Amino acid sequence: MKKSVYHYGLLATTALLFTMTGCSQKNILPTWHLTPGAQHGSVDADSLVFPDPNKAWQKGGTIVNHDDVAKISVGTTKDEIYKLIGTPHFSEGFNAREWDYILKFYNTDNEVEVCQYKIIFDDSYEGRMRDDEFFATEFYWLPASCEKYSEFAR
């Protein structure tokens, strides 16, 4: 009996320690794919880092309507982006300063074109407790020719 109480007490103490440590961390998200400067809401286009598509949790990406992508512009919130094109396809969390996607579009020849899409968010976010939002500030495509899909169809 005493061993079991000791075991649960140790377990509870360890859980509390990890919880408090996690709460005090400003950024505990994986940073293996972060572009330098993304944490500050702006990046140098020459320093862009796109994650390896093979590391995506959403293998192969998703087919999206390019009119939905065209609705994303500077000032669009993460919630709005989530509703338009879904969750990012890599290990980003909701507090990440950049989201990466693998998007598929039908081109004019009705063939599927695969593009990587990176969204950089501002650095003014102060937390959900303050009813704050992340706002998109910059957008990048790989290959760059995929940028055509961020324009409304005519």
Protein backbone atom coordinates (compact mmCIF):
# COMPACT_ATOMS: atom_id res chain seq x y z
CA MET A 1 0.00 0.00 0.00
CA LYS A 2 2.74 2.47 0.95
CA LYS A 3 4.61 1.70 -2.25
CA SER A 4 1.52 2.52 -4.33
CA VAL A 5 0.94 5.87 -2.54
CA TYR A 6 4.62 6.73 -3.03
CA HIS A 7 4.39 5.77 -6.70
CA TYR A 8 1.32 7.95 -7.33
CA GLY A 9 2.83 10.85 -5.38
CA LEU A 10 6.00 10.68 -7.48
CA LEU A 11 3.94 10.46 -10.66
CA ALA A 12 1.80 13.46 -9.67
CA THR A 13 4.88 15.52 -8.75
CA THR A 14 6.55 14.69 -12.06
CA ALA A 15 3.41 15.58 -14.02
CA LEU A 16 3.13 18.89 -12.17
CA LEU A 17 6.79 19.67 -12.83
CA PHE A 18 6.40 19.00 -16.58
CA THR A 19 3.21 21.05 -16.71
CA MET A 20 4.78 24.05 -14.99
CA THR A 21 7.92 23.83 -17.11
CA GLY A 22 5.83 23.63 -20.27
CA CYS A 23 3.72 26.61 -19.27
CA SER A 24 6.79 28.75 -18.68
CA GLN A 25 8.29 27.98 -22.09
CA LYS A 26 7.70 30.72 -24.64
CA ASN A 27 8.11 28.48 -27.68
CA ILE A 28 8.11 24.74 -27.14
CA LEU A 29 7.20 23.84 -30.72
CA PRO A 30 9.57 21.98 -33.02
CA THR A 31 11.75 24.40 -34.95
CA TRP A 32 13.49 22.07 -37.39
CA HIS A 33 11.80 23.71 -40.37
CA LEU A 34 11.47 27.32 -39.25
CA THR A 35 12.70 29.95 -41.64
CA PRO A 36 15.08 32.42 -39.97
CA GLY A 37 13.11 35.51 -38.96
CA ALA A 38 9.70 33.80 -38.98
CA GLN A 39 9.46 34.24 -35.22
CA HIS A 40 9.52 38.00 -35.85
CA GLY A 41 6.81 38.04 -38.53
CA SER A 42 9.05 38.70 -41.52
CA VAL A 43 11.57 36.63 -43.43
CA ASP A 44 14.25 37.19 -46.04
CA ALA A 45 13.04 35.46 -49.22
CA ASP A 46 16.59 34.25 -49.88
CA SER A 47 16.61 32.41 -46.52
CA LEU A 48 13.32 30.54 -46.94
CA VAL A 49 13.22 27.01 -45.61
CA PHE A 50 10.52 24.74 -46.97
CA PRO A 51 10.15 21.46 -45.08
CA ASP A 52 10.82 18.14 -46.77
CA PRO A 53 7.48 16.97 -48.25
CA ASN A 54 8.24 13.46 -47.00
CA LYS A 55 8.01 14.76 -43.41
CA ALA A 56 4.42 15.96 -43.81
CA TRP A 57 1.80 14.26 -41.68
CA GLN A 58 -0.65 14.85 -44.55
CA LYS A 59 1.21 12.68 -47.06
CA GLY A 60 0.82 13.94 -50.60
CA GLY A 61 -1.00 17.11 -49.58
CA THR A 62 -4.58 18.03 -50.38
CA ILE A 63 -6.47 19.24 -53.42
CA VAL A 64 -7.84 22.72 -52.78
CA ASN A 65 -9.88 25.24 -54.69
CA HIS A 66 -7.60 28.06 -55.77
CA ASP A 67 -10.38 30.58 -55.10
CA ASP A 68 -10.12 29.60 -51.42
CA VAL A 69 -6.36 30.21 -51.50
CA ALA A 70 -6.99 33.55 -53.24
CA LYS A 71 -9.07 34.67 -50.23
CA ILE A 72 -5.95 34.49 -48.06
CA SER A 73 -4.19 37.84 -47.87
CA VAL A 74 -2.24 40.02 -45.46
CA GLY A 75 -4.29 40.28 -42.28
CA THR A 76 -6.11 36.95 -42.67
CA THR A 77 -6.24 35.15 -39.31
CA LYS A 78 -5.20 31.57 -38.61
CA ASP A 79 -8.82 30.67 -37.90
CA GLU A 80 -9.88 31.97 -41.31
CA ILE A 81 -7.03 30.11 -43.06
CA TYR A 82 -7.96 26.93 -41.21
CA LYS A 83 -11.53 27.23 -42.52
CA LEU A 84 -10.34 27.86 -46.09
CA ILE A 85 -7.55 25.29 -46.59
CA GLY A 86 -7.38 23.28 -43.38
CA THR A 87 -4.61 22.54 -40.92
CA PRO A 88 -0.96 22.88 -41.91
CA HIS A 89 0.60 19.67 -43.19
CA PHE A 90 3.69 19.57 -41.01
CA SER A 91 4.32 19.63 -37.24
CA GLU A 92 3.32 23.24 -36.71
CA GLY A 93 1.21 24.02 -33.72
CA PHE A 94 -1.37 26.74 -33.46
CA ASN A 95 1.20 29.08 -31.89
CA ALA A 96 3.76 28.64 -34.70
CA ARG A 97 4.77 31.74 -36.65
CA GLU A 98 4.71 29.88 -39.96
CA TRP A 99 2.46 27.26 -41.49
CA ASP A 100 3.45 25.00 -44.37
CA TYR A 101 1.17 23.18 -46.77
CA ILE A 102 1.42 20.80 -49.71
CA LEU A 103 -1.39 21.90 -52.00
CA LYS A 104 -2.60 20.31 -55.21
CA PHE A 105 -4.35 22.24 -57.95
CA TYR A 106 -5.85 21.32 -61.29
CA ASN A 107 -4.03 23.33 -63.97
CA THR A 108 -5.47 24.47 -67.31
CA ASP A 109 -4.68 21.05 -68.86
CA ASN A 110 -6.71 19.41 -66.06
CA GLU A 111 -3.54 17.87 -64.64
CA VAL A 112 -2.67 18.02 -60.95
CA GLU A 113 0.14 20.40 -59.99
CA VAL A 114 1.77 20.01 -56.56
CA CYS A 115 2.90 23.17 -54.75
CA GLN A 116 4.32 23.98 -51.35
CA TYR A 117 2.77 27.01 -49.68
CA LYS A 118 4.27 28.85 -46.71
CA ILE A 119 2.42 31.44 -44.64
CA ILE A 120 4.31 33.71 -42.21
CA PHE A 121 2.37 35.26 -39.32
CA ASP A 122 2.96 38.45 -37.35
CA ASP A 123 4.78 38.52 -34.02
CA SER A 124 2.27 40.59 -32.04
CA TYR A 125 0.26 37.63 -30.73
CA GLU A 126 -0.25 37.84 -26.97
CA GLY A 127 -2.38 34.76 -26.35
CA ARG A 128 -5.93 33.49 -26.42
CA MET A 129 -6.54 34.81 -22.91
CA ARG A 130 -6.29 38.31 -24.36
CA ASP A 131 -8.57 37.35 -27.24
CA ASP A 132 -5.67 37.97 -29.61
CA GLU A 133 -5.17 36.56 -33.11
CA PHE A 134 -2.28 35.70 -35.41
CA PHE A 135 -2.41 37.61 -38.70
CA ALA A 136 -0.82 36.47 -41.96
CA THR A 137 1.94 38.82 -43.16
CA GLU A 138 3.83 37.02 -45.95
CA PHE A 139 3.25 34.19 -48.42
CA TYR A 140 5.69 32.04 -50.39
CA TRP A 141 5.38 29.28 -53.00
CA LEU A 142 7.61 26.45 -54.13
CA PRO A 143 7.92 26.45 -57.08
CA ALA A 144 7.38 30.20 -57.40
CA SER A 145 5.18 29.63 -60.47
CA CYS A 146 2.46 28.26 -58.15
CA GLU A 147 1.74 31.80 -57.01
CA LYS A 148 -0.75 31.99 -59.90
CA TYR A 149 -3.10 29.88 -57.77
CA SER A 150 -3.44 32.69 -55.23
CA GLU A 151 -5.33 34.80 -57.78
CA PHE A 152 -9.07 34.55 -58.31
CA ALA A 153 -10.18 32.53 -61.35
CA ARG A 154 -11.67 34.51 -64.18
